[in-house]
Amino acid sequence: MPSEDHITIRELRGHLAEHLRHVRAGGSVTITSHGQPVARLVPVASLAPRRAGFMRGEFTIPKDFDDPLQDMDASIAAPLMPRK
């Protein structure tokens, strides 16, 4: 797998297609400005797509999840600014 390259913004502008080919092949590119890293290009394909239902059975929703909060009515009726 290609290694990570450090390039300047000027280098990126001048050779964008070349750096994108490097990233597409599995590499990454750190972009620097005045010697400091400011961004990284990494391949998007490395993110695995999520499957529907992949968390099934991992947590449960309480039966009272949709019930109104006890203090909701009081917070709606309260003035936004305290009266003087």
C-alpha atoms as a PDB file:
ATOM      1  CA  MET A   1       0.000   0.000   0.000  1.00  0.00           C
ATOM      2  CA  PRO A   2       1.350   3.463  -0.837  1.00  0.00           C
ATOM      3  CA  SER A   3       2.750   5.488   2.039  1.00  0.00           C
ATOM      4  CA  GLU A   4       1.486   8.830   3.286  1.00  0.00           C
ATOM      5  CA  ASP A   5       2.808  11.887   1.486  1.00  0.00           C
ATOM      6  CA  HIS A   6       3.163  15.404   2.895  1.00  0.00           C
ATOM      7  CA  ILE A   7       2.564  18.104   0.295  1.00  0.00           C
ATOM      8  CA  THR A   8       2.011  21.843   0.215  1.00  0.00           C
ATOM      9  CA  ILE A   9      -1.185  23.468  -1.001  1.00  0.00           C
ATOM     10  CA  ARG A  10       0.711  24.706  -4.082  1.00  0.00           C
ATOM     11  CA  GLU A  11       1.866  21.141  -4.845  1.00  0.00           C
ATOM     12  CA  LEU A  12      -1.712  19.879  -4.475  1.00  0.00           C
ATOM     13  CA  ARG A  13      -3.044  22.528  -6.862  1.00  0.00           C
ATOM     14  CA  GLY A  14      -0.387  21.726  -9.446  1.00  0.00           C
ATOM     15  CA  HIS A  15      -0.724  17.929  -9.332  1.00  0.00           C
ATOM     16  CA  LEU A  16      -4.252  17.244  -8.056  1.00  0.00           C
ATOM     17  CA  ALA A  17      -4.986  14.368 -10.445  1.00  0.00           C
ATOM     18  CA  GLU A  18      -1.751  12.600  -9.506  1.00  0.00           C
ATOM     19  CA  HIS A  19      -2.463  12.879  -5.774  1.00  0.00           C
ATOM     20  CA  LEU A  20      -6.044  11.682  -6.233  1.00  0.00           C
ATOM     21  CA  ARG A  21      -4.748   8.594  -8.075  1.00  0.00           C
ATOM     22  CA  HIS A  22      -2.404   7.966  -5.114  1.00  0.00           C
ATOM     23  CA  VAL A  23      -5.324   8.225  -2.660  1.00  0.00           C
ATOM     24  CA  ARG A  24      -7.587   6.081  -4.843  1.00  0.00           C
ATOM     25  CA  ALA A  25      -4.879   3.381  -4.750  1.00  0.00           C
ATOM     26  CA  GLY A  26      -5.095   3.307  -0.949  1.00  0.00           C
ATOM     27  CA  GLY A  27      -2.598   5.999   0.032  1.00  0.00           C
ATOM     28  CA  SER A  28      -3.196   9.191   1.944  1.00  0.00           C
ATOM     29  CA  VAL A  29      -1.918  12.718   1.529  1.00  0.00           C
ATOM     30  CA  THR A  30      -1.357  15.271   4.301  1.00  0.00           C
ATOM     31  CA  ILE A  31      -1.658  18.840   3.058  1.00  0.00           C
ATOM     32  CA  THR A  32       0.525  21.412   4.796  1.00  0.00           C
ATOM     33  CA  SER A  33       0.565  25.189   4.959  1.00  0.00           C
ATOM     34  CA  HIS A  34       3.720  26.885   6.221  1.00  0.00           C
ATOM     35  CA  GLY A  35       4.982  23.490   7.407  1.00  0.00           C
ATOM     36  CA  GLN A  36       1.877  22.752   9.515  1.00  0.00           C
ATOM     37  CA  PRO A  37      -0.613  20.001   8.584  1.00  0.00           C
ATOM     38  CA  VAL A  38      -4.044  21.441   7.736  1.00  0.00           C
ATOM     39  CA  ALA A  39      -5.917  18.566   6.046  1.00  0.00           C
ATOM     40  CA  ARG A  40      -5.679  14.934   4.966  1.00  0.00           C
ATOM     41  CA  LEU A  41      -6.951  13.214   1.851  1.00  0.00           C
ATOM     42  CA  VAL A  42      -7.905   9.598   2.500  1.00  0.00           C
ATOM     43  CA  PRO A  43      -9.784   7.087   0.352  1.00  0.00           C
ATOM     44  CA  VAL A  44     -13.554   7.072   0.818  1.00  0.00           C
ATOM     45  CA  ALA A  45     -13.746   3.410  -0.200  1.00  0.00           C
ATOM     46  CA  SER A  46     -12.161   2.494   3.147  1.00  0.00           C
ATOM     47  CA  LEU A  47     -15.478   3.311   4.846  1.00  0.00           C
ATOM     48  CA  ALA A  48     -17.618   0.185   4.963  1.00  0.00           C
ATOM     49  CA  PRO A  49     -21.262   0.736   3.988  1.00  0.00           C
ATOM     50  CA  ARG A  50     -23.776   0.260   6.790  1.00  0.00           C
ATOM     51  CA  ARG A  51     -26.373  -2.472   6.598  1.00  0.00           C
ATOM     52  CA  ALA A  52     -29.945  -1.788   7.674  1.00  0.00           C
ATOM     53  CA  GLY A  53     -30.571  -3.424  11.039  1.00  0.00           C
ATOM     54  CA  PHE A  54     -26.895  -3.947  11.905  1.00  0.00           C
ATOM     55  CA  MET A  55     -27.517  -2.893  15.541  1.00  0.00           C
ATOM     56  CA  ARG A  56     -30.537  -5.182  16.026  1.00  0.00           C
ATOM     57  CA  GLY A  57     -30.615  -6.543  19.568  1.00  0.00           C
ATOM     58  CA  GLU A  58     -27.847  -4.209  20.820  1.00  0.00           C
ATOM     59  CA  PHE A  59     -30.169  -1.867  22.741  1.00  0.00           C
ATOM     60  CA  THR A  60     -33.810  -1.483  23.691  1.00  0.00           C
ATOM     61  CA  ILE A  61     -36.100   1.537  23.695  1.00  0.00           C
ATOM     62  CA  PRO A  62     -37.992   2.034  26.966  1.00  0.00           C
ATOM     63  CA  LYS A  63     -41.794   1.768  26.783  1.00  0.00           C
ATOM     64  CA  ASP A  64     -42.176   5.358  28.073  1.00  0.00           C
ATOM     65  CA  PHE A  65     -39.837   6.813  25.438  1.00  0.00           C
ATOM     66  CA  ASP A  66     -42.602   8.829  23.741  1.00  0.00           C
ATOM     67  CA  ASP A  67     -44.324   9.943  26.965  1.00  0.00           C
ATOM     68  CA  PRO A  68     -44.263  13.695  27.635  1.00  0.00           C
ATOM     69  CA  LEU A  69     -41.622  14.872  30.070  1.00  0.00           C
ATOM     70  CA  GLN A  70     -43.005  15.782  33.497  1.00  0.00           C
ATOM     71  CA  ASP A  71     -41.643  19.323  33.473  1.00  0.00           C
ATOM     72  CA  MET A  72     -42.480  20.036  29.810  1.00  0.00           C
ATOM     73  CA  ASP A  73     -45.729  21.914  30.513  1.00  0.00           C
ATOM     74  CA  ALA A  74     -44.017  24.112  33.110  1.00  0.00           C
ATOM     75  CA  SER A  75     -41.159  24.979  30.759  1.00  0.00           C
ATOM     76  CA  ILE A  76     -43.543  25.931  27.941  1.00  0.00           C
ATOM     77  CA  ALA A  77     -45.651  28.140  30.231  1.00  0.00           C
ATOM     78  CA  ALA A  78     -42.630  29.856  31.833  1.00  0.00           C
ATOM     79  CA  PRO A  79     -41.752  33.331  30.527  1.00  0.00           C
ATOM     80  CA  LEU A  80     -38.585  33.592  28.458  1.00  0.00           C
ATOM     81  CA  MET A  81     -37.299  36.566  30.415  1.00  0.00           C
ATOM     82  CA  PRO A  82     -37.752  36.909  34.180  1.00  0.00           C
ATOM     83  CA  ARG A  83     -40.113  39.684  35.135  1.00  0.00           C
ATOM     84  CA  LYS A  84     -38.698  42.632  37.072  1.00  0.00           C
END
